[in-house]
Amino acid sequence: MFNQFVADLLNLDFKLEDEDLSLMLLSSLPDEFEHLETMLLHGKENVPLDAVCSALYSHELGKRDKMKTKSTTSEEALMARGRQQSHAKWKVQIKRLSCQR
């Protein structure tokens, strides 16, 4: 949506400054990015487009890392649980052997 809007403005030979693009990009983001917008604009009159892009990229990397960590933690929990179950089976086998003697 943002790219299409910028392309339309450029096709109309509309001059866009870096700060205009950054504000347009920030205003086009969904509500979940409101904190990012507030952080970038707090106490500033203008925000460069590369600062907005960097912040968005960092945000996405953080989300991916959280998902990887969450996935890895779940896998580790399953592995640990699997080991506990096999350990319990081993104890049962030892009890059976000692009872048979």
N, C-alpha and C. Protein backbone atom coordinates (compact mmCIF):
# COMPACT_ATOMS: atom_id res chain seq x y z
N MET A 1 0.83 -1.18 0.00
CA MET A 1 0.00 0.00 0.00
C MET A 1 0.88 1.25 0.00
N PHE A 2 1.87 1.26 0.89
CA PHE A 2 2.77 2.42 0.97
C PHE A 2 3.52 2.60 -0.34
N ASN A 3 4.07 1.50 -0.87
CA ASN A 3 4.84 1.58 -2.12
C ASN A 3 3.98 2.07 -3.28
N GLN A 4 2.74 1.61 -3.33
CA GLN A 4 1.84 2.02 -4.40
C GLN A 4 1.52 3.51 -4.29
N PHE A 5 1.30 3.96 -3.06
CA PHE A 5 1.01 5.38 -2.84
C PHE A 5 2.18 6.25 -3.27
N VAL A 6 3.39 5.86 -2.91
CA VAL A 6 4.59 6.61 -3.29
C VAL A 6 4.77 6.59 -4.81
N ALA A 7 4.56 5.44 -5.42
CA ALA A 7 4.68 5.34 -6.88
C ALA A 7 3.67 6.25 -7.57
N ASP A 8 2.44 6.29 -7.05
CA ASP A 8 1.42 7.16 -7.64
C ASP A 8 1.83 8.63 -7.53
N LEU A 9 2.36 9.02 -6.38
CA LEU A 9 2.80 10.41 -6.20
C LEU A 9 3.96 10.75 -7.12
N LEU A 10 4.89 9.82 -7.27
CA LEU A 10 6.04 10.06 -8.15
C LEU A 10 5.60 10.14 -9.61
N ASN A 11 4.59 9.36 -9.99
CA ASN A 11 4.06 9.42 -11.36
C ASN A 11 3.41 10.77 -11.66
N LEU A 12 2.94 11.43 -10.61
CA LEU A 12 2.35 12.76 -10.76
C LEU A 12 3.40 13.85 -10.65
N ASP A 13 4.67 13.45 -10.68
CA ASP A 13 5.81 14.39 -10.55
C ASP A 13 5.76 15.18 -9.24
N PHE A 14 5.30 14.53 -8.20
CA PHE A 14 5.24 15.15 -6.89
C PHE A 14 6.59 14.95 -6.21
N LYS A 15 7.18 16.04 -5.72
CA LYS A 15 8.48 15.96 -5.05
C LYS A 15 8.29 15.46 -3.62
N LEU A 16 8.98 14.38 -3.29
CA LEU A 16 8.90 13.82 -1.94
C LEU A 16 10.24 13.92 -1.24
N GLU A 17 10.22 14.52 -0.08
CA GLU A 17 11.42 14.61 0.75
C GLU A 17 11.54 13.35 1.59
N ASP A 18 12.73 13.10 2.07
CA ASP A 18 13.01 11.93 2.90
C ASP A 18 12.11 11.91 4.14
N GLU A 19 11.95 13.06 4.77
CA GLU A 19 11.13 13.15 5.98
C GLU A 19 9.65 12.89 5.67
N ASP A 20 9.21 13.33 4.50
CA ASP A 20 7.82 13.08 4.08
C ASP A 20 7.58 11.58 3.94
N LEU A 21 8.53 10.91 3.30
CA LEU A 21 8.40 9.46 3.12
C LEU A 21 8.39 8.73 4.46
N SER A 22 9.25 9.16 5.38
CA SER A 22 9.29 8.49 6.68
C SER A 22 7.99 8.68 7.44
N LEU A 23 7.42 9.87 7.41
CA LEU A 23 6.15 10.10 8.09
C LEU A 23 5.00 9.34 7.43
N MET A 24 5.03 9.28 6.09
CA MET A 24 4.00 8.51 5.38
C MET A 24 4.10 7.03 5.72
N LEU A 25 5.32 6.53 5.78
CA LEU A 25 5.52 5.12 6.12
C LEU A 25 5.05 4.83 7.54
N LEU A 26 5.43 5.68 8.48
CA LEU A 26 5.01 5.48 9.87
C LEU A 26 3.49 5.53 10.01
N SER A 27 2.85 6.44 9.31
CA SER A 27 1.40 6.57 9.42
C SER A 27 0.66 5.44 8.71
N SER A 28 1.34 4.72 7.83
CA SER A 28 0.68 3.63 7.11
C SER A 28 0.80 2.29 7.84
N LEU A 29 1.57 2.27 8.93
CA LEU A 29 1.78 1.01 9.66
C LEU A 29 0.54 0.64 10.47
N PRO A 30 0.32 -0.66 10.70
CA PRO A 30 -0.80 -1.08 11.55
C PRO A 30 -0.62 -0.63 13.00
N ASP A 31 -1.67 -0.75 13.78
CA ASP A 31 -1.66 -0.30 15.18
C ASP A 31 -0.60 -0.98 16.03
N GLU A 32 -0.21 -2.19 15.68
CA GLU A 32 0.79 -2.90 16.50
C GLU A 32 2.14 -2.20 16.49
N PHE A 33 2.36 -1.26 15.57
CA PHE A 33 3.62 -0.53 15.49
C PHE A 33 3.52 0.86 16.11
N GLU A 34 2.45 1.13 16.82
CA GLU A 34 2.26 2.46 17.41
C GLU A 34 3.39 2.82 18.37
N HIS A 35 3.85 1.83 19.14
CA HIS A 35 4.96 2.10 20.07
C HIS A 35 6.24 2.50 19.32
N LEU A 36 6.45 1.90 18.17
CA LEU A 36 7.62 2.21 17.36
C LEU A 36 7.53 3.63 16.82
N GLU A 37 6.34 3.99 16.37
CA GLU A 37 6.12 5.34 15.87
C GLU A 37 6.35 6.38 16.97
N THR A 38 5.82 6.09 18.14
CA THR A 38 6.00 7.00 19.27
C THR A 38 7.48 7.14 19.63
N MET A 39 8.18 6.02 19.66
CA MET A 39 9.59 6.02 20.01
C MET A 39 10.41 6.84 19.01
N LEU A 40 10.13 6.66 17.74
CA LEU A 40 10.90 7.36 16.70
C LEU A 40 10.60 8.85 16.65
N LEU A 41 9.36 9.23 16.91
CA LEU A 41 8.96 10.62 16.77
C LEU A 41 9.12 11.44 18.05
N HIS A 42 9.30 10.77 19.17
CA HIS A 42 9.34 11.47 20.46
C HIS A 42 10.45 12.53 20.49
N GLY A 43 10.04 13.77 20.66
CA GLY A 43 10.99 14.87 20.77
C GLY A 43 11.69 15.26 19.49
N LYS A 44 11.22 14.76 18.36
CA LYS A 44 11.87 15.07 17.08
C LYS A 44 10.87 15.70 16.13
N GLU A 45 11.38 16.59 15.33
CA GLU A 45 10.53 17.21 14.32
C GLU A 45 10.50 16.36 13.05
N ASN A 46 11.67 15.87 12.68
CA ASN A 46 11.79 15.04 11.47
C ASN A 46 12.55 13.76 11.79
N VAL A 47 12.17 12.71 11.12
CA VAL A 47 12.85 11.43 11.27
C VAL A 47 13.26 10.97 9.88
N PRO A 48 14.55 10.65 9.70
CA PRO A 48 15.00 10.19 8.37
C PRO A 48 14.39 8.83 8.01
N LEU A 49 14.18 8.62 6.75
CA LEU A 49 13.59 7.37 6.28
C LEU A 49 14.45 6.16 6.64
N ASP A 50 15.77 6.29 6.58
CA ASP A 50 16.62 5.15 6.92
C ASP A 50 16.50 4.77 8.39
N ALA A 51 16.21 5.73 9.27
CA ALA A 51 16.00 5.42 10.69
C ALA A 51 14.71 4.61 10.87
N VAL A 52 13.67 4.97 10.12
CA VAL A 52 12.40 4.23 10.20
C VAL A 52 12.59 2.82 9.65
N CYS A 53 13.26 2.70 8.52
CA CYS A 53 13.49 1.38 7.92
C CYS A 53 14.34 0.50 8.83
N SER A 54 15.37 1.08 9.44
CA SER A 54 16.22 0.32 10.36
C SER A 54 15.43 -0.16 11.57
N ALA A 55 14.59 0.71 12.11
CA ALA A 55 13.78 0.34 13.27
C ALA A 55 12.80 -0.78 12.91
N LEU A 56 12.19 -0.69 11.74
CA LEU A 56 11.26 -1.74 11.30
C LEU A 56 11.99 -3.07 11.09
N TYR A 57 13.16 -3.00 10.50
CA TYR A 57 13.95 -4.21 10.27
C TYR A 57 14.36 -4.84 11.60
N SER A 58 14.80 -4.03 12.54
CA SER A 58 15.17 -4.55 13.86
C SER A 58 13.98 -5.17 14.57
N HIS A 59 12.83 -4.54 14.43
CA HIS A 59 11.62 -5.07 15.05
C HIS A 59 11.30 -6.45 14.48
N GLU A 60 11.38 -6.60 13.18
CA GLU A 60 11.09 -7.88 12.54
C GLU A 60 12.11 -8.95 12.95
N LEU A 61 13.38 -8.58 13.04
CA LEU A 61 14.39 -9.53 13.49
C LEU A 61 14.13 -9.98 14.92
N GLY A 62 13.72 -9.05 15.75
CA GLY A 62 13.38 -9.39 17.13
C GLY A 62 12.22 -10.36 17.21
N LYS A 63 11.20 -10.15 16.37
CA LYS A 63 10.05 -11.06 16.34
C LYS A 63 10.47 -12.45 15.89
N ARG A 64 11.34 -12.52 14.88
CA ARG A 64 11.82 -13.82 14.39
C ARG A 64 12.63 -14.54 15.46
N ASP A 65 13.48 -13.80 16.15
CA ASP A 65 14.29 -14.40 17.21
C ASP A 65 13.41 -14.95 18.33
N LYS A 66 12.36 -14.20 18.68
CA LYS A 66 11.43 -14.68 19.70
C LYS A 66 10.77 -15.98 19.26
N MET A 67 10.37 -16.03 18.00
CA MET A 67 9.70 -17.23 17.49
C MET A 67 10.67 -18.41 17.49
N LYS A 68 11.93 -18.18 17.10
CA LYS A 68 12.92 -19.25 17.10
C LYS A 68 13.18 -19.73 18.52
N THR A 69 13.30 -18.79 19.45
CA THR A 69 13.55 -19.15 20.85
C THR A 69 12.38 -19.93 21.40
N LYS A 70 11.19 -19.48 21.10
CA LYS A 70 9.99 -20.17 21.57
C LYS A 70 9.92 -21.57 21.00
N SER A 71 10.24 -21.72 19.72
CA SER A 71 10.23 -23.02 19.07
C SER A 71 11.30 -23.93 19.66
N THR A 72 12.50 -23.39 19.87
CA THR A 72 13.60 -24.17 20.43
C THR A 72 13.28 -24.61 21.84
N THR A 73 12.68 -23.73 22.63
CA THR A 73 12.32 -24.06 24.00
C THR A 73 11.30 -25.19 24.02
N SER A 74 10.34 -25.15 23.10
CA SER A 74 9.33 -26.20 23.02
C SER A 74 9.98 -27.53 22.64
N GLU A 75 10.90 -27.49 21.69
CA GLU A 75 11.59 -28.71 21.27
C GLU A 75 12.42 -29.27 22.40
N GLU A 76 13.11 -28.39 23.15
CA GLU A 76 13.92 -28.85 24.28
C GLU A 76 13.04 -29.47 25.35
N ALA A 77 11.87 -28.89 25.57
CA ALA A 77 10.96 -29.44 26.57
C ALA A 77 10.50 -30.83 26.15
N LEU A 78 10.22 -31.00 24.86
CA LEU A 78 9.81 -32.32 24.38
C LEU A 78 10.94 -33.32 24.51
N MET A 79 12.17 -32.90 24.23
CA MET A 79 13.31 -33.80 24.36
C MET A 79 13.49 -34.21 25.81
N ALA A 80 13.42 -33.25 26.71
CA ALA A 80 13.60 -33.55 28.12
C ALA A 80 12.51 -34.49 28.59
N ARG A 81 11.32 -34.25 28.14
CA ARG A 81 10.21 -35.12 28.54
C ARG A 81 10.44 -36.53 27.99
N GLY A 82 10.91 -36.62 26.77
CA GLY A 82 11.19 -37.92 26.17
C GLY A 82 12.24 -38.67 26.95
N ARG A 83 13.25 -37.98 27.43
CA ARG A 83 14.30 -38.62 28.22
C ARG A 83 13.74 -39.11 29.54
N GLN A 84 12.89 -38.33 30.13
CA GLN A 84 12.30 -38.75 31.40
C GLN A 84 11.45 -39.99 31.22
N GLN A 85 10.72 -40.04 30.13
CA GLN A 85 9.89 -41.21 29.88
C GLN A 85 10.76 -42.44 29.65
N SER A 86 11.83 -42.31 28.90
CA SER A 86 12.69 -43.47 28.65
C SER A 86 13.39 -43.87 29.94
N HIS A 87 13.72 -42.91 30.80
CA HIS A 87 14.34 -43.21 32.09
C HIS A 87 13.36 -43.99 32.97
N ALA A 88 12.08 -43.59 32.92
CA ALA A 88 11.07 -44.30 33.71
C ALA A 88 10.92 -45.73 33.20
N LYS A 89 10.96 -45.93 31.89
CA LYS A 89 10.88 -47.29 31.33
C LYS A 89 12.06 -48.12 31.79
N TRP A 90 13.22 -47.51 31.85
CA TRP A 90 14.42 -48.20 32.29
C TRP A 90 14.28 -48.65 33.73
N LYS A 91 13.70 -47.80 34.59
CA LYS A 91 13.48 -48.16 36.00
C LYS A 91 12.52 -49.33 36.11
N VAL A 92 11.48 -49.32 35.29
CA VAL A 92 10.49 -50.42 35.31
C VAL A 92 11.16 -51.72 34.91
N GLN A 93 12.02 -51.67 33.90
CA GLN A 93 12.72 -52.88 33.46
C GLN A 93 13.64 -53.41 34.55
N ILE A 94 14.31 -52.53 35.28
CA ILE A 94 15.19 -52.97 36.36
C ILE A 94 14.36 -53.64 37.46
N LYS A 95 13.21 -53.05 37.79
CA LYS A 95 12.36 -53.64 38.83
C LYS A 95 11.89 -55.02 38.41
N ARG A 96 11.53 -55.18 37.14
CA ARG A 96 11.07 -56.47 36.65
C ARG A 96 12.18 -57.51 36.75
N LEU A 97 13.39 -57.11 36.39
CA LEU A 97 14.52 -58.04 36.46
C LEU A 97 14.82 -58.44 37.90
N SER A 98 14.77 -57.49 38.82
CA SER A 98 15.06 -57.82 40.21
C SER A 98 13.95 -58.66 40.82
N CYS A 99 12.73 -58.49 40.37
CA CYS A 99 11.62 -59.31 40.90
C CYS A 99 11.68 -60.73 40.35
N GLN A 100 12.21 -60.91 39.16
CA GLN A 100 12.27 -62.23 38.57
C GLN A 100 13.35 -63.08 39.23
N ARG A 101 14.31 -62.54 39.85
CA ARG A 101 15.41 -63.29 40.46
C ARG A 101 15.00 -63.91 41.70
